[in-house]
Amino acid sequence: MVEERALISASGKRIPAKVDTFCIHGDEPTAVPLMIAVRAALKDAGISVVPLPELLS
């Protein structure tokens, strides 16, 4: 989503979107391992992860 600047639907339709934030629900049992994997993948792709106040400033 971040690199493609789009959301890709289940049918394959590309919906242009600027993705600056995302949410992983903490009540899901795989939330922590998923967040660790997502953050690592973003870092590997050279995409910065910053606190929300920094993003908004």
C-alpha atoms as a PDB file:
ATOM      1  CA  MET A   1       0.000   0.000   0.000  1.00  0.00           C
ATOM      2  CA  VAL A   2       2.739   2.423   0.909  1.00  0.00           C
ATOM      3  CA  GLU A   3       5.010   1.708  -2.043  1.00  0.00           C
ATOM      4  CA  GLU A   4       2.186   1.274  -4.571  1.00  0.00           C
ATOM      5  CA  ARG A   5       0.316   4.349  -3.275  1.00  0.00           C
ATOM      6  CA  ALA A   6      -2.846   2.328  -3.724  1.00  0.00           C
ATOM      7  CA  LEU A   7      -5.157  -0.177  -2.126  1.00  0.00           C
ATOM      8  CA  ILE A   8      -5.616  -3.380  -4.089  1.00  0.00           C
ATOM      9  CA  SER A   9      -9.067  -4.943  -3.718  1.00  0.00           C
ATOM     10  CA  ALA A  10      -9.742  -8.678  -3.529  1.00  0.00           C
ATOM     11  CA  SER A  11     -10.837  -8.495  -7.179  1.00  0.00           C
ATOM     12  CA  GLY A  12      -7.536  -6.839  -8.124  1.00  0.00           C
ATOM     13  CA  LYS A  13      -8.931  -3.333  -8.612  1.00  0.00           C
ATOM     14  CA  ARG A  14      -6.336  -0.654  -7.855  1.00  0.00           C
ATOM     15  CA  ILE A  15      -7.661   2.229  -5.765  1.00  0.00           C
ATOM     16  CA  PRO A  16      -5.233   5.166  -5.570  1.00  0.00           C
ATOM     17  CA  ALA A  17      -4.544   6.206  -1.964  1.00  0.00           C
ATOM     18  CA  LYS A  18      -1.879   7.978   0.027  1.00  0.00           C
ATOM     19  CA  VAL A  19      -1.192   5.748   3.029  1.00  0.00           C
ATOM     20  CA  ASP A  20       0.448   7.548   5.948  1.00  0.00           C
ATOM     21  CA  THR A  21      -0.850   5.473   8.872  1.00  0.00           C
ATOM     22  CA  PHE A  22      -2.292   2.050   9.565  1.00  0.00           C
ATOM     23  CA  CYS A  23      -3.818   0.292  12.533  1.00  0.00           C
ATOM     24  CA  ILE A  24      -3.305  -3.228  13.797  1.00  0.00           C
ATOM     25  CA  HIS A  25      -5.897  -4.193  16.383  1.00  0.00           C
ATOM     26  CA  GLY A  26      -4.153  -5.237  19.593  1.00  0.00           C
ATOM     27  CA  ASP A  27      -6.933  -7.616  20.665  1.00  0.00           C
ATOM     28  CA  GLU A  28      -6.057  -9.988  17.802  1.00  0.00           C
ATOM     29  CA  PRO A  29      -3.808 -12.825  19.043  1.00  0.00           C
ATOM     30  CA  THR A  30      -1.295 -12.334  16.220  1.00  0.00           C
ATOM     31  CA  ALA A  31      -1.130  -8.526  16.579  1.00  0.00           C
ATOM     32  CA  VAL A  32       2.351  -8.327  18.102  1.00  0.00           C
ATOM     33  CA  PRO A  33       4.064 -10.763  15.699  1.00  0.00           C
ATOM     34  CA  LEU A  34       2.245  -9.101  12.776  1.00  0.00           C
ATOM     35  CA  MET A  35       3.387  -5.628  13.840  1.00  0.00           C
ATOM     36  CA  ILE A  36       6.973  -6.835  14.254  1.00  0.00           C
ATOM     37  CA  ALA A  37       6.887  -8.300  10.726  1.00  0.00           C
ATOM     38  CA  VAL A  38       5.263  -5.206   9.209  1.00  0.00           C
ATOM     39  CA  ARG A  39       7.746  -2.861  10.856  1.00  0.00           C
ATOM     40  CA  ALA A  40      10.692  -5.007   9.686  1.00  0.00           C
ATOM     41  CA  ALA A  41       9.338  -5.098   6.125  1.00  0.00           C
ATOM     42  CA  LEU A  42       8.875  -1.320   6.093  1.00  0.00           C
ATOM     43  CA  LYS A  43      12.432  -0.825   7.386  1.00  0.00           C
ATOM     44  CA  ASP A  44      13.821  -3.250   4.786  1.00  0.00           C
ATOM     45  CA  ALA A  45      12.000  -1.260   2.080  1.00  0.00           C
ATOM     46  CA  GLY A  46      13.572   1.977   3.337  1.00  0.00           C
ATOM     47  CA  ILE A  47      10.271   3.334   4.649  1.00  0.00           C
ATOM     48  CA  SER A  48      10.526   5.340   7.876  1.00  0.00           C
ATOM     49  CA  VAL A  49       8.305   4.552  10.845  1.00  0.00           C
ATOM     50  CA  VAL A  50       7.799   7.631  13.007  1.00  0.00           C
ATOM     51  CA  PRO A  51       5.594   8.585  15.945  1.00  0.00           C
ATOM     52  CA  LEU A  52       2.316  10.251  14.946  1.00  0.00           C
ATOM     53  CA  PRO A  53       3.245  13.682  16.402  1.00  0.00           C
ATOM     54  CA  GLU A  54       6.390  13.666  14.233  1.00  0.00           C
ATOM     55  CA  LEU A  55       4.347  12.749  11.159  1.00  0.00           C
ATOM     56  CA  LEU A  56       1.930  15.613  11.822  1.00  0.00           C
ATOM     57  CA  SER A  57       4.573  18.275  12.471  1.00  0.00           C
END
